[in-house]
């Protein structure tokens, strides 16, 4: 059980690092320009993702956001 908790902690830490890097890439793209050498076109990719969710319709977007909320909050 201890190994499972350790792996869960690693995954949580890696997720936090990924979110920090994403936030850094967004801020850098806003300050420097859209196409950064290391981060790529982060803002363009996020806008494409949001547009794709919007094109799928409100029902699909509602289900996706509910699934993310349930996953993040630990609900079943």
N, C-alpha and C. Protein backbone atom coordinates (compact mmCIF):
# COMPACT_ATOMS: atom_id res chain seq x y z
N UNK A 1 0.82 -1.19 0.00
CA UNK A 1 0.00 0.00 0.00
C UNK A 1 0.86 1.25 0.00
N UNK A 2 2.02 1.14 0.65
CA UNK A 2 2.93 2.29 0.68
C UNK A 2 3.45 2.62 -0.72
N UNK A 3 3.70 1.58 -1.51
CA UNK A 3 4.19 1.81 -2.88
C UNK A 3 3.14 2.53 -3.71
N UNK A 4 1.88 2.17 -3.52
CA UNK A 4 0.80 2.82 -4.25
C UNK A 4 0.69 4.29 -3.88
N UNK A 5 0.82 4.60 -2.61
CA UNK A 5 0.79 6.00 -2.17
C UNK A 5 1.99 6.78 -2.72
N UNK A 6 3.14 6.13 -2.79
CA UNK A 6 4.34 6.78 -3.33
C UNK A 6 4.16 7.08 -4.82
N UNK A 7 3.61 6.12 -5.57
CA UNK A 7 3.37 6.33 -7.00
C UNK A 7 2.33 7.44 -7.19
N UNK A 8 1.29 7.44 -6.36
CA UNK A 8 0.26 8.47 -6.43
C UNK A 8 0.88 9.85 -6.16
N UNK A 9 1.80 9.92 -5.22
CA UNK A 9 2.49 11.18 -4.93
C UNK A 9 3.34 11.63 -6.11
N UNK A 10 4.04 10.70 -6.75
CA UNK A 10 4.86 11.04 -7.92
C UNK A 10 3.98 11.58 -9.04
N UNK A 11 2.86 10.92 -9.29
CA UNK A 11 1.96 11.36 -10.36
C UNK A 11 1.43 12.75 -10.05
N UNK A 12 1.07 12.99 -8.80
CA UNK A 12 0.60 14.32 -8.41
C UNK A 12 1.67 15.38 -8.59
N UNK A 13 2.90 15.05 -8.23
CA UNK A 13 4.01 15.99 -8.38
C UNK A 13 4.30 16.27 -9.86
N UNK A 14 4.28 15.24 -10.67
CA UNK A 14 4.51 15.43 -12.10
C UNK A 14 3.40 16.26 -12.74
N UNK A 15 2.17 16.06 -12.28
CA UNK A 15 1.05 16.85 -12.78
C UNK A 15 1.22 18.31 -12.42
N UNK A 16 1.65 18.57 -11.18
CA UNK A 16 1.88 19.96 -10.75
C UNK A 16 2.98 20.61 -11.58
N UNK A 17 4.05 19.88 -11.83
CA UNK A 17 5.15 20.42 -12.64
C UNK A 17 4.66 20.71 -14.06
N UNK A 18 3.85 19.80 -14.62
CA UNK A 18 3.30 20.01 -15.95
C UNK A 18 2.43 21.26 -16.02
N UNK A 19 1.59 21.46 -15.01
CA UNK A 19 0.75 22.65 -14.99
C UNK A 19 1.57 23.92 -14.85
N UNK A 20 2.64 23.86 -14.05
CA UNK A 20 3.52 25.02 -13.91
C UNK A 20 4.21 25.35 -15.23
N UNK A 21 4.67 24.32 -15.93
CA UNK A 21 5.30 24.55 -17.23
C UNK A 21 4.30 25.10 -18.25
N UNK A 22 3.06 24.62 -18.19
CA UNK A 22 2.02 25.14 -19.08
C UNK A 22 1.77 26.61 -18.79
N UNK A 23 1.67 26.98 -17.52
CA UNK A 23 1.45 28.38 -17.16
C UNK A 23 2.64 29.24 -17.59
N UNK A 24 3.85 28.73 -17.42
CA UNK A 24 5.05 29.45 -17.86
C UNK A 24 5.04 29.66 -19.37
N UNK A 25 4.65 28.62 -20.11
CA UNK A 25 4.61 28.72 -21.56
C UNK A 25 3.58 29.74 -22.02
N UNK A 26 2.43 29.78 -21.35
CA UNK A 26 1.39 30.74 -21.73
C UNK A 26 1.86 32.16 -21.47
N UNK A 27 2.44 32.40 -20.30
CA UNK A 27 2.92 33.75 -19.97
C UNK A 27 4.04 34.15 -20.92
N UNK A 28 4.97 33.24 -21.19
CA UNK A 28 6.07 33.56 -22.10
C UNK A 28 5.55 33.84 -23.51
N UNK A 29 4.55 33.09 -23.94
CA UNK A 29 3.99 33.33 -25.27
C UNK A 29 3.30 34.68 -25.35
N UNK A 30 2.65 35.08 -24.27
CA UNK A 30 2.00 36.38 -24.25
C UNK A 30 3.02 37.52 -24.24
N UNK A 31 4.14 37.32 -23.56
CA UNK A 31 5.14 38.37 -23.45
C UNK A 31 6.06 38.44 -24.67
N UNK A 32 6.47 37.30 -25.18
CA UNK A 32 7.49 37.26 -26.25
C UNK A 32 6.86 37.12 -27.63
N UNK A 33 5.92 36.24 -27.77
CA UNK A 33 5.32 35.97 -29.07
C UNK A 33 4.72 34.57 -29.06
N UNK A 34 3.91 34.29 -30.04
CA UNK A 34 3.14 33.06 -30.04
C UNK A 34 3.99 31.80 -30.26
N UNK A 35 5.02 31.86 -31.06
CA UNK A 35 5.77 30.66 -31.42
C UNK A 35 7.14 30.68 -30.76
N UNK A 36 7.24 30.07 -29.59
CA UNK A 36 8.50 30.00 -28.86
C UNK A 36 9.27 28.75 -29.27
N UNK A 37 10.59 28.83 -29.30
CA UNK A 37 11.38 27.67 -29.72
C UNK A 37 11.19 26.43 -28.84
N UNK A 38 11.18 26.59 -27.52
CA UNK A 38 11.09 25.42 -26.64
C UNK A 38 9.65 24.98 -26.41
N UNK A 39 8.74 25.93 -26.26
CA UNK A 39 7.36 25.61 -25.91
C UNK A 39 6.46 25.40 -27.11
N UNK A 40 6.85 25.90 -28.26
CA UNK A 40 6.00 25.76 -29.43
C UNK A 40 4.85 26.73 -29.41
N UNK A 41 3.79 26.41 -30.12
CA UNK A 41 2.63 27.28 -30.23
C UNK A 41 1.58 26.87 -29.20
N UNK A 42 1.87 27.12 -27.92
CA UNK A 42 1.00 26.69 -26.84
C UNK A 42 -0.35 27.38 -26.90
N UNK A 43 -0.34 28.69 -27.10
CA UNK A 43 -1.61 29.41 -27.11
C UNK A 43 -2.48 28.97 -28.29
N UNK A 44 -1.88 28.71 -29.42
CA UNK A 44 -2.64 28.22 -30.58
C UNK A 44 -3.25 26.86 -30.33
N UNK A 45 -2.49 25.99 -29.66
CA UNK A 45 -3.01 24.65 -29.35
C UNK A 45 -4.16 24.72 -28.35
N UNK A 46 -4.05 25.59 -27.35
CA UNK A 46 -5.13 25.73 -26.37
C UNK A 46 -6.38 26.30 -27.03
N UNK A 47 -6.19 27.29 -27.90
CA UNK A 47 -7.35 27.87 -28.60
C UNK A 47 -8.01 26.83 -29.50
N UNK A 48 -7.22 25.97 -30.14
CA UNK A 48 -7.79 24.92 -30.98
C UNK A 48 -8.57 23.91 -30.14
N UNK A 49 -8.05 23.59 -28.96
CA UNK A 49 -8.75 22.67 -28.06
C UNK A 49 -10.08 23.26 -27.61
N UNK A 50 -10.08 24.52 -27.20
CA UNK A 50 -11.31 25.17 -26.76
C UNK A 50 -12.31 25.29 -27.92
N UNK A 51 -11.81 25.60 -29.12
CA UNK A 51 -12.69 25.68 -30.29
C UNK A 51 -13.31 24.32 -30.59
N UNK A 52 -12.50 23.27 -30.48
CA UNK A 52 -13.02 21.92 -30.72
C UNK A 52 -14.09 21.54 -29.72
N UNK A 53 -13.91 21.92 -28.47
CA UNK A 53 -14.94 21.64 -27.47
C UNK A 53 -16.20 22.45 -27.76
N UNK A 54 -16.00 23.69 -28.19
CA UNK A 54 -17.16 24.52 -28.52
C UNK A 54 -17.90 24.02 -29.73
N UNK A 55 -17.19 23.52 -30.73
CA UNK A 55 -17.83 23.00 -31.94
C UNK A 55 -18.60 21.71 -31.67
N UNK A 56 -18.21 21.00 -30.62
CA UNK A 56 -18.89 19.74 -30.30
C UNK A 56 -20.27 19.98 -29.71
N UNK A 57 -20.56 21.19 -29.31
CA UNK A 57 -21.88 21.51 -28.76
C UNK A 57 -21.84 21.63 -27.25
N UNK A 58 -22.83 22.30 -26.70
CA UNK A 58 -22.83 22.54 -25.26
C UNK A 58 -22.99 21.26 -24.44
N UNK A 59 -23.73 20.28 -24.96
CA UNK A 59 -23.93 19.05 -24.21
C UNK A 59 -22.61 18.30 -24.04
N UNK A 60 -21.84 18.23 -25.11
CA UNK A 60 -20.54 17.55 -25.06
C UNK A 60 -19.58 18.28 -24.12
N UNK A 61 -19.55 19.61 -24.20
CA UNK A 61 -18.67 20.39 -23.34
C UNK A 61 -19.08 20.24 -21.88
N UNK A 62 -20.36 20.17 -21.61
CA UNK A 62 -20.86 20.00 -20.24
C UNK A 62 -20.40 18.65 -19.69
N UNK A 63 -20.52 17.58 -20.48
CA UNK A 63 -20.09 16.27 -20.01
C UNK A 63 -18.60 16.23 -19.76
N UNK A 64 -17.80 16.85 -20.63
CA UNK A 64 -16.36 16.88 -20.45
C UNK A 64 -15.97 17.64 -19.19
N UNK A 65 -16.59 18.80 -18.97
CA UNK A 65 -16.24 19.57 -17.79
C UNK A 65 -16.68 18.86 -16.52
N UNK A 66 -17.81 18.15 -16.55
CA UNK A 66 -18.25 17.38 -15.41
C UNK A 66 -17.29 16.24 -15.12
N UNK A 67 -16.80 15.59 -16.16
CA UNK A 67 -15.85 14.49 -15.98
C UNK A 67 -14.54 15.00 -15.37
N UNK A 68 -14.07 16.15 -15.81
CA UNK A 68 -12.84 16.72 -15.25
C UNK A 68 -13.07 17.09 -13.79
N UNK A 69 -14.21 17.70 -13.48
CA UNK A 69 -14.51 18.08 -12.10
C UNK A 69 -14.56 16.86 -11.20
N UNK A 70 -15.23 15.80 -11.67
CA UNK A 70 -15.33 14.59 -10.85
C UNK A 70 -13.98 13.95 -10.64
N UNK A 71 -13.12 14.00 -11.65
CA UNK A 71 -11.79 13.41 -11.52
C UNK A 71 -10.95 14.22 -10.54
N UNK A 72 -10.98 15.55 -10.67
CA UNK A 72 -10.18 16.40 -9.82
C UNK A 72 -10.65 16.40 -8.36
N UNK A 73 -11.95 16.28 -8.15
CA UNK A 73 -12.48 16.34 -6.79
C UNK A 73 -12.51 14.97 -6.11
N UNK A 74 -12.25 13.91 -6.87
CA UNK A 74 -12.22 12.58 -6.30
C UNK A 74 -13.59 11.94 -6.17
N UNK A 75 -14.62 12.50 -6.80
CA UNK A 75 -15.96 11.93 -6.75
C UNK A 75 -16.06 10.73 -7.68
N UNK A 76 -16.96 9.83 -7.37
CA UNK A 76 -17.16 8.67 -8.23
C UNK A 76 -18.42 8.82 -9.02
